[in-house]
Amino acid sequence: MWAMSNVTLSAGDRLKRELQRAVERIRTELDKIEILSAAMSAFSKPVPDYEPGFRHLRHVTASALELNSARR
């Protein structure tokens, strides 16, 4: 009778180990899905328009003067 309960425990332990492995694989896959969904979210947005931070003030002033003189 003791041998039968020992076999049952071993089967239970094996089942427990297999379930733990399955849960670990699921967690790994969920981590991958989380990373991929974050990447998809970032890449699904359009690229913002380019606006250079530096503008040459003389060029802007000269254009403004040209426009102002064209009105007269």
PDB file of N, CA and C in Angstrom:
ATOM      1  N   MET A   1       0.823  -1.186   0.000  1.00  0.00           N
ATOM      2  CA  MET A   1       0.000   0.000   0.000  1.00  0.00           C
ATOM      3  C   MET A   1       0.873   1.258   0.000  1.00  0.00           C
ATOM      4  N   TRP A   2       1.970   1.247   0.737  1.00  0.00           N
ATOM      5  CA  TRP A   2       2.876   2.392   0.777  1.00  0.00           C
ATOM      6  C   TRP A   2       3.469   2.670  -0.599  1.00  0.00           C
ATOM      7  N   ALA A   3       3.763   1.617  -1.344  1.00  0.00           N
ATOM      8  CA  ALA A   3       4.332   1.772  -2.674  1.00  0.00           C
ATOM      9  C   ALA A   3       3.348   2.464  -3.607  1.00  0.00           C
ATOM     10  N   MET A   4       2.069   2.172  -3.467  1.00  0.00           N
ATOM     11  CA  MET A   4       1.072   2.781  -4.328  1.00  0.00           C
ATOM     12  C   MET A   4       0.948   4.280  -4.043  1.00  0.00           C
ATOM     13  N   SER A   5       0.977   4.676  -2.769  1.00  0.00           N
ATOM     14  CA  SER A   5       0.897   6.103  -2.446  1.00  0.00           C
ATOM     15  C   SER A   5       2.163   6.828  -2.894  1.00  0.00           C
ATOM     16  N   ASN A   6       3.307   6.153  -2.865  1.00  0.00           N
ATOM     17  CA  ASN A   6       4.560   6.720  -3.342  1.00  0.00           C
ATOM     18  C   ASN A   6       4.497   6.978  -4.846  1.00  0.00           C
ATOM     19  N   VAL A   7       3.919   6.030  -5.586  1.00  0.00           N
ATOM     20  CA  VAL A   7       3.763   6.199  -7.032  1.00  0.00           C
ATOM     21  C   VAL A   7       2.809   7.345  -7.318  1.00  0.00           C
ATOM     22  N   THR A   8       1.739   7.442  -6.551  1.00  0.00           N
ATOM     23  CA  THR A   8       0.764   8.517  -6.722  1.00  0.00           C
ATOM     24  C   THR A   8       1.419   9.866  -6.442  1.00  0.00           C
ATOM     25  N   LEU A   9       2.239   9.945  -5.401  1.00  0.00           N
ATOM     26  CA  LEU A   9       2.938  11.190  -5.116  1.00  0.00           C
ATOM     27  C   LEU A   9       3.902  11.553  -6.236  1.00  0.00           C
ATOM     28  N   SER A  10       4.579  10.588  -6.767  1.00  0.00           N
ATOM     29  CA  SER A  10       5.500  10.864  -7.866  1.00  0.00           C
ATOM     30  C   SER A  10       4.745  11.383  -9.075  1.00  0.00           C
ATOM     31  N   ALA A  11       3.603  10.790  -9.374  1.00  0.00           N
ATOM     32  CA  ALA A  11       2.788  11.272 -10.495  1.00  0.00           C
ATOM     33  C   ALA A  11       2.292  12.684 -10.211  1.00  0.00           C
ATOM     34  N   GLY A  12       1.901  12.913  -8.961  1.00  0.00           N
ATOM     35  CA  GLY A  12       1.466  14.258  -8.570  1.00  0.00           C
ATOM     36  C   GLY A  12       2.594  15.266  -8.667  1.00  0.00           C
ATOM     37  N   ASP A  13       3.776  14.843  -8.241  1.00  0.00           N
ATOM     38  CA  ASP A  13       4.942  15.740  -8.350  1.00  0.00           C
ATOM     39  C   ASP A  13       5.274  16.026  -9.808  1.00  0.00           C
ATOM     40  N   ARG A  14       5.194  14.999 -10.644  1.00  0.00           N
ATOM     41  CA  ARG A  14       5.458  15.205 -12.071  1.00  0.00           C
ATOM     42  C   ARG A  14       4.441  16.163 -12.676  1.00  0.00           C
ATOM     43  N   LEU A  15       3.187  15.989 -12.320  1.00  0.00           N
ATOM     44  CA  LEU A  15       2.139  16.870 -12.808  1.00  0.00           C
ATOM     45  C   LEU A  15       2.374  18.303 -12.346  1.00  0.00           C
ATOM     46  N   LYS A  16       2.757  18.435 -11.070  1.00  0.00           N
ATOM     47  CA  LYS A  16       3.027  19.762 -10.531  1.00  0.00           C
ATOM     48  C   LYS A  16       4.180  20.436 -11.284  1.00  0.00           C
ATOM     49  N   ARG A  17       5.255  19.658 -11.547  1.00  0.00           N
ATOM     50  CA  ARG A  17       6.400  20.207 -12.296  1.00  0.00           C
ATOM     51  C   ARG A  17       6.005  20.613 -13.706  1.00  0.00           C
ATOM     52  N   GLU A  18       5.197  19.791 -14.352  1.00  0.00           N
ATOM     53  CA  GLU A  18       4.757  20.116 -15.713  1.00  0.00           C
ATOM     54  C   GLU A  18       3.895  21.366 -15.728  1.00  0.00           C
ATOM     55  N   LEU A  19       3.047  21.509 -14.738  1.00  0.00           N
ATOM     56  CA  LEU A  19       2.220  22.714 -14.641  1.00  0.00           C
ATOM     57  C   LEU A  19       3.074  23.959 -14.389  1.00  0.00           C
ATOM     58  N   GLN A  20       4.093  23.816 -13.539  1.00  0.00           N
ATOM     59  CA  GLN A  20       4.997  24.945 -13.284  1.00  0.00           C
ATOM     60  C   GLN A  20       5.735  25.343 -14.555  1.00  0.00           C
ATOM     61  N   ARG A  21       6.183  24.357 -15.314  1.00  0.00           N
ATOM     62  CA  ARG A  21       6.861  24.654 -16.584  1.00  0.00           C
ATOM     63  C   ARG A  21       5.918  25.336 -17.565  1.00  0.00           C
ATOM     64  N   ALA A  22       4.691  24.856 -17.625  1.00  0.00           N
ATOM     65  CA  ALA A  22       3.704  25.453 -18.531  1.00  0.00           C
ATOM     66  C   ALA A  22       3.423  26.905 -18.152  1.00  0.00           C
ATOM     67  N   VAL A  23       3.297  27.161 -16.855  1.00  0.00           N
ATOM     68  CA  VAL A  23       3.060  28.526 -16.387  1.00  0.00           C
ATOM     69  C   VAL A  23       4.259  29.411 -16.719  1.00  0.00           C
ATOM     70  N   GLU A  24       5.468  28.903 -16.561  1.00  0.00           N
ATOM     71  CA  GLU A  24       6.674  29.677 -16.911  1.00  0.00           C
ATOM     72  C   GLU A  24       6.700  30.009 -18.402  1.00  0.00           C
ATOM     73  N   ARG A  25       6.344  29.033 -19.235  1.00  0.00           N
ATOM     74  CA  ARG A  25       6.298  29.296 -20.683  1.00  0.00           C
ATOM     75  C   ARG A  25       5.257  30.354 -21.003  1.00  0.00           C
ATOM     76  N   ILE A  26       4.104  30.285 -20.342  1.00  0.00           N
ATOM     77  CA  ILE A  26       3.060  31.286 -20.565  1.00  0.00           C
ATOM     78  C   ILE A  26       3.545  32.670 -20.139  1.00  0.00           C
ATOM     79  N   ARG A  27       4.220  32.756 -18.998  1.00  0.00           N
ATOM     80  CA  ARG A  27       4.746  34.049 -18.538  1.00  0.00           C
ATOM     81  C   ARG A  27       5.760  34.610 -19.528  1.00  0.00           C
ATOM     82  N   THR A  28       6.606  33.736 -20.057  1.00  0.00           N
ATOM     83  CA  THR A  28       7.596  34.175 -21.043  1.00  0.00           C
ATOM     84  C   THR A  28       6.898  34.700 -22.295  1.00  0.00           C
ATOM     85  N   GLU A  29       5.889  33.984 -22.746  1.00  0.00           N
ATOM     86  CA  GLU A  29       5.145  34.417 -23.927  1.00  0.00           C
ATOM     87  C   GLU A  29       4.403  35.722 -23.662  1.00  0.00           C
ATOM     88  N   LEU A  30       3.856  35.888 -22.463  1.00  0.00           N
ATOM     89  CA  LEU A  30       3.176  37.141 -22.123  1.00  0.00           C
ATOM     90  C   LEU A  30       4.151  38.320 -22.104  1.00  0.00           C
ATOM     91  N   ASP A  31       5.367  38.083 -21.629  1.00  0.00           N
ATOM     92  CA  ASP A  31       6.384  39.133 -21.669  1.00  0.00           C
ATOM     93  C   ASP A  31       6.675  39.543 -23.107  1.00  0.00           C
ATOM     94  N   LYS A  32       6.800  38.558 -23.992  1.00  0.00           N
ATOM     95  CA  LYS A  32       7.040  38.857 -25.414  1.00  0.00           C
ATOM     96  C   LYS A  32       5.875  39.626 -26.008  1.00  0.00           C
ATOM     97  N   ILE A  33       4.660  39.218 -25.668  1.00  0.00           N
ATOM     98  CA  ILE A  33       3.472  39.900 -26.194  1.00  0.00           C
ATOM     99  C   ILE A  33       3.423  41.341 -25.704  1.00  0.00           C
ATOM    100  N   GLU A  34       3.784  41.560 -24.452  1.00  0.00           N
ATOM    101  CA  GLU A  34       3.785  42.911 -23.904  1.00  0.00           C
ATOM    102  C   GLU A  34       4.781  43.801 -24.636  1.00  0.00           C
ATOM    103  N   ILE A  35       5.966  43.278 -24.902  1.00  0.00           N
ATOM    104  CA  ILE A  35       6.984  44.045 -25.623  1.00  0.00           C
ATOM    105  C   ILE A  35       6.531  44.330 -27.049  1.00  0.00           C
ATOM    106  N   LEU A  36       5.998  43.315 -27.717  1.00  0.00           N
ATOM    107  CA  LEU A  36       5.552  43.501 -29.093  1.00  0.00           C
ATOM    108  C   LEU A  36       4.370  44.457 -29.194  1.00  0.00           C
ATOM    109  N   SER A  37       3.455  44.402 -28.247  1.00  0.00           N
ATOM    110  CA  SER A  37       2.317  45.320 -28.302  1.00  0.00           C
ATOM    111  C   SER A  37       2.764  46.758 -28.045  1.00  0.00           C
ATOM    112  N   ALA A  38       3.750  46.958 -27.189  1.00  0.00           N
ATOM    113  CA  ALA A  38       4.287  48.305 -26.967  1.00  0.00           C
ATOM    114  C   ALA A  38       4.960  48.813 -28.235  1.00  0.00           C
ATOM    115  N   ALA A  39       5.676  47.939 -28.928  1.00  0.00           N
ATOM    116  CA  ALA A  39       6.321  48.341 -30.181  1.00  0.00           C
ATOM    117  C   ALA A  39       5.282  48.662 -31.242  1.00  0.00           C
ATOM    118  N   MET A  40       4.244  47.852 -31.336  1.00  0.00           N
ATOM    119  CA  MET A  40       3.189  48.105 -32.321  1.00  0.00           C
ATOM    120  C   MET A  40       2.499  49.427 -32.030  1.00  0.00           C
ATOM    121  N   SER A  41       2.286  49.728 -30.783  1.00  0.00           N
ATOM    122  CA  SER A  41       1.655  50.988 -30.408  1.00  0.00           C
ATOM    123  C   SER A  41       2.539  52.168 -30.801  1.00  0.00           C
ATOM    124  N   ALA A  42       3.829  52.042 -30.564  1.00  0.00           N
ATOM    125  CA  ALA A  42       4.749  53.137 -30.900  1.00  0.00           C
ATOM    126  C   ALA A  42       4.866  53.332 -32.404  1.00  0.00           C
ATOM    127  N   PHE A  43       4.886  52.241 -33.162  1.00  0.00           N
ATOM    128  CA  PHE A  43       5.058  52.346 -34.601  1.00  0.00           C
ATOM    129  C   PHE A  43       3.754  52.643 -35.340  1.00  0.00           C
ATOM    130  N   SER A  44       2.623  52.557 -34.682  1.00  0.00           N
ATOM    131  CA  SER A  44       1.359  52.819 -35.358  1.00  0.00           C
ATOM    132  C   SER A  44       1.044  54.307 -35.429  1.00  0.00           C
ATOM    133  N   LYS A  45       1.740  55.111 -34.654  1.00  0.00           N
ATOM    134  CA  LYS A  45       1.527  56.560 -34.670  1.00  0.00           C
ATOM    135  C   LYS A  45       2.334  57.178 -35.804  1.00  0.00           C
ATOM    136  N   PRO A  46       1.786  58.201 -36.472  1.00  0.00           N
ATOM    137  CA  PRO A  46       2.549  58.832 -37.556  1.00  0.00           C
ATOM    138  C   PRO A  46       3.773  59.576 -37.014  1.00  0.00           C
ATOM    139  N   VAL A  47       4.759  59.680 -37.844  1.00  0.00           N
ATOM    140  CA  VAL A  47       5.978  60.399 -37.485  1.00  0.00           C
ATOM    141  C   VAL A  47       5.644  61.887 -37.431  1.00  0.00           C
ATOM    142  N   PRO A  48       5.987  62.572 -36.361  1.00  0.00           N
ATOM    143  CA  PRO A  48       5.675  64.000 -36.283  1.00  0.00           C
ATOM    144  C   PRO A  48       6.445  64.792 -37.333  1.00  0.00           C
ATOM    145  N   ASP A  49       5.857  65.913 -37.754  1.00  0.00           N
ATOM    146  CA  ASP A  49       6.520  66.780 -38.734  1.00  0.00           C
ATOM    147  C   ASP A  49       7.832  67.286 -38.171  1.00  0.00           C
ATOM    148  N   TYR A  50       8.790  67.451 -39.054  1.00  0.00           N
ATOM    149  CA  TYR A  50      10.104  67.932 -38.654  1.00  0.00           C
ATOM    150  C   TYR A  50      10.066  69.444 -38.554  1.00  0.00           C
ATOM    151  N   GLU A  51      10.447  69.944 -37.415  1.00  0.00           N
ATOM    152  CA  GLU A  51      10.572  71.382 -37.224  1.00  0.00           C
ATOM    153  C   GLU A  51      11.947  71.647 -36.637  1.00  0.00           C
ATOM    154  N   PRO A  52      12.834  72.206 -37.431  1.00  0.00           N
ATOM    155  CA  PRO A  52      14.181  72.452 -36.907  1.00  0.00           C
ATOM    156  C   PRO A  52      14.130  73.455 -35.755  1.00  0.00           C
ATOM    157  N   GLY A  53      14.940  73.216 -34.769  1.00  0.00           N
ATOM    158  CA  GLY A  53      14.971  74.093 -33.612  1.00  0.00           C
ATOM    159  C   GLY A  53      15.704  75.399 -33.877  1.00  0.00           C
ATOM    160  N   PHE A  54      16.580  75.411 -34.861  1.00  0.00           N
ATOM    161  CA  PHE A  54      17.374  76.611 -35.148  1.00  0.00           C
ATOM    162  C   PHE A  54      16.851  77.270 -36.413  1.00  0.00           C
ATOM    163  N   ARG A  55      16.532  78.536 -36.309  1.00  0.00           N
ATOM    164  CA  ARG A  55      16.106  79.312 -37.484  1.00  0.00           C
ATOM    165  C   ARG A  55      17.006  80.532 -37.590  1.00  0.00           C
ATOM    166  N   HIS A  56      17.480  80.758 -38.756  1.00  0.00           N
ATOM    167  CA  HIS A  56      18.381  81.887 -38.983  1.00  0.00           C
ATOM    168  C   HIS A  56      17.558  83.172 -38.960  1.00  0.00           C
ATOM    169  N   LEU A  57      17.813  84.029 -38.016  1.00  0.00           N
ATOM    170  CA  LEU A  57      16.984  85.222 -37.839  1.00  0.00           C
ATOM    171  C   LEU A  57      17.131  86.219 -38.982  1.00  0.00           C
ATOM    172  N   ARG A  58      18.297  86.332 -39.556  1.00  0.00           N
ATOM    173  CA  ARG A  58      18.476  87.279 -40.651  1.00  0.00           C
ATOM    174  C   ARG A  58      17.607  86.899 -41.842  1.00  0.00           C
ATOM    175  N   HIS A  59      17.513  85.608 -42.106  1.00  0.00           N
ATOM    176  CA  HIS A  59      16.701  85.139 -43.227  1.00  0.00           C
ATOM    177  C   HIS A  59      15.224  85.445 -42.973  1.00  0.00           C
ATOM    178  N   VAL A  60      14.769  85.225 -41.747  1.00  0.00           N
ATOM    179  CA  VAL A  60      13.373  85.507 -41.407  1.00  0.00           C
ATOM    180  C   VAL A  60      13.108  86.999 -41.514  1.00  0.00           C
ATOM    181  N   THR A  61      14.007  87.822 -41.015  1.00  0.00           N
ATOM    182  CA  THR A  61      13.848  89.271 -41.068  1.00  0.00           C
ATOM    183  C   THR A  61      13.853  89.759 -42.512  1.00  0.00           C
ATOM    184  N   ALA A  62      14.740  89.219 -43.334  1.00  0.00           N
ATOM    185  CA  ALA A  62      14.814  89.637 -44.727  1.00  0.00           C
ATOM    186  C   ALA A  62      13.521  89.266 -45.458  1.00  0.00           C
ATOM    187  N   SER A  63      12.977  88.122 -45.198  1.00  0.00           N
ATOM    188  CA  SER A  63      11.722  87.728 -45.839  1.00  0.00           C
ATOM    189  C   SER A  63      10.592  88.645 -45.396  1.00  0.00           C
ATOM    190  N   ALA A  64      10.596  89.014 -44.130  1.00  0.00           N
ATOM    191  CA  ALA A  64       9.555  89.904 -43.631  1.00  0.00           C
ATOM    192  C   ALA A  64       9.665  91.268 -44.303  1.00  0.00           C
ATOM    193  N   LEU A  65      10.862  91.768 -44.502  1.00  0.00           N
ATOM    194  CA  LEU A  65      11.045  93.046 -45.174  1.00  0.00           C
ATOM    195  C   LEU A  65      10.615  92.954 -46.637  1.00  0.00           C
ATOM    196  N   GLU A  66      10.919  91.850 -47.282  1.00  0.00           N
ATOM    197  CA  GLU A  66      10.521  91.674 -48.677  1.00  0.00           C
ATOM    198  C   GLU A  66       9.006  91.652 -48.798  1.00  0.00           C
ATOM    199  N   LEU A  67       8.342  90.969 -47.900  1.00  0.00           N
ATOM    200  CA  LEU A  67       6.892  90.920 -47.938  1.00  0.00           C
ATOM    201  C   LEU A  67       6.300  92.297 -47.668  1.00  0.00           C
ATOM    202  N   ASN A  68       6.887  93.013 -46.715  1.00  0.00           N
ATOM    203  CA  ASN A  68       6.402  94.330 -46.361  1.00  0.00           C
ATOM    204  C   ASN A  68       6.571  95.289 -47.539  1.00  0.00           C
ATOM    205  N   SER A  69       7.683  95.255 -48.258  1.00  0.00           N
ATOM    206  CA  SER A  69       7.921  96.148 -49.385  1.00  0.00           C
ATOM    207  C   SER A  69       7.067  95.754 -50.587  1.00  0.00           C
ATOM    208  N   ALA A  70       6.652  94.527 -50.698  1.00  0.00           N
ATOM    209  CA  ALA A  70       5.830  94.074 -51.807  1.00  0.00           C
ATOM    210  C   ALA A  70       4.406  94.601 -51.667  1.00  0.00           C
ATOM    211  N   ARG A  71       3.964  94.896 -50.478  1.00  0.00           N
ATOM    212  CA  ARG A  71       2.614  95.412 -50.267  1.00  0.00           C
ATOM    213  C   ARG A  71       2.461  96.847 -50.738  1.00  0.00           C
ATOM    214  N   ARG A  72       3.496  97.581 -50.684  1.00  0.00           N
ATOM    215  CA  ARG A  72       3.416  99.021 -51.016  1.00  0.00           C
ATOM    216  C   ARG A  72       3.285  99.266 -52.454  1.00  0.00           C
TER     217      ARG A  72
END
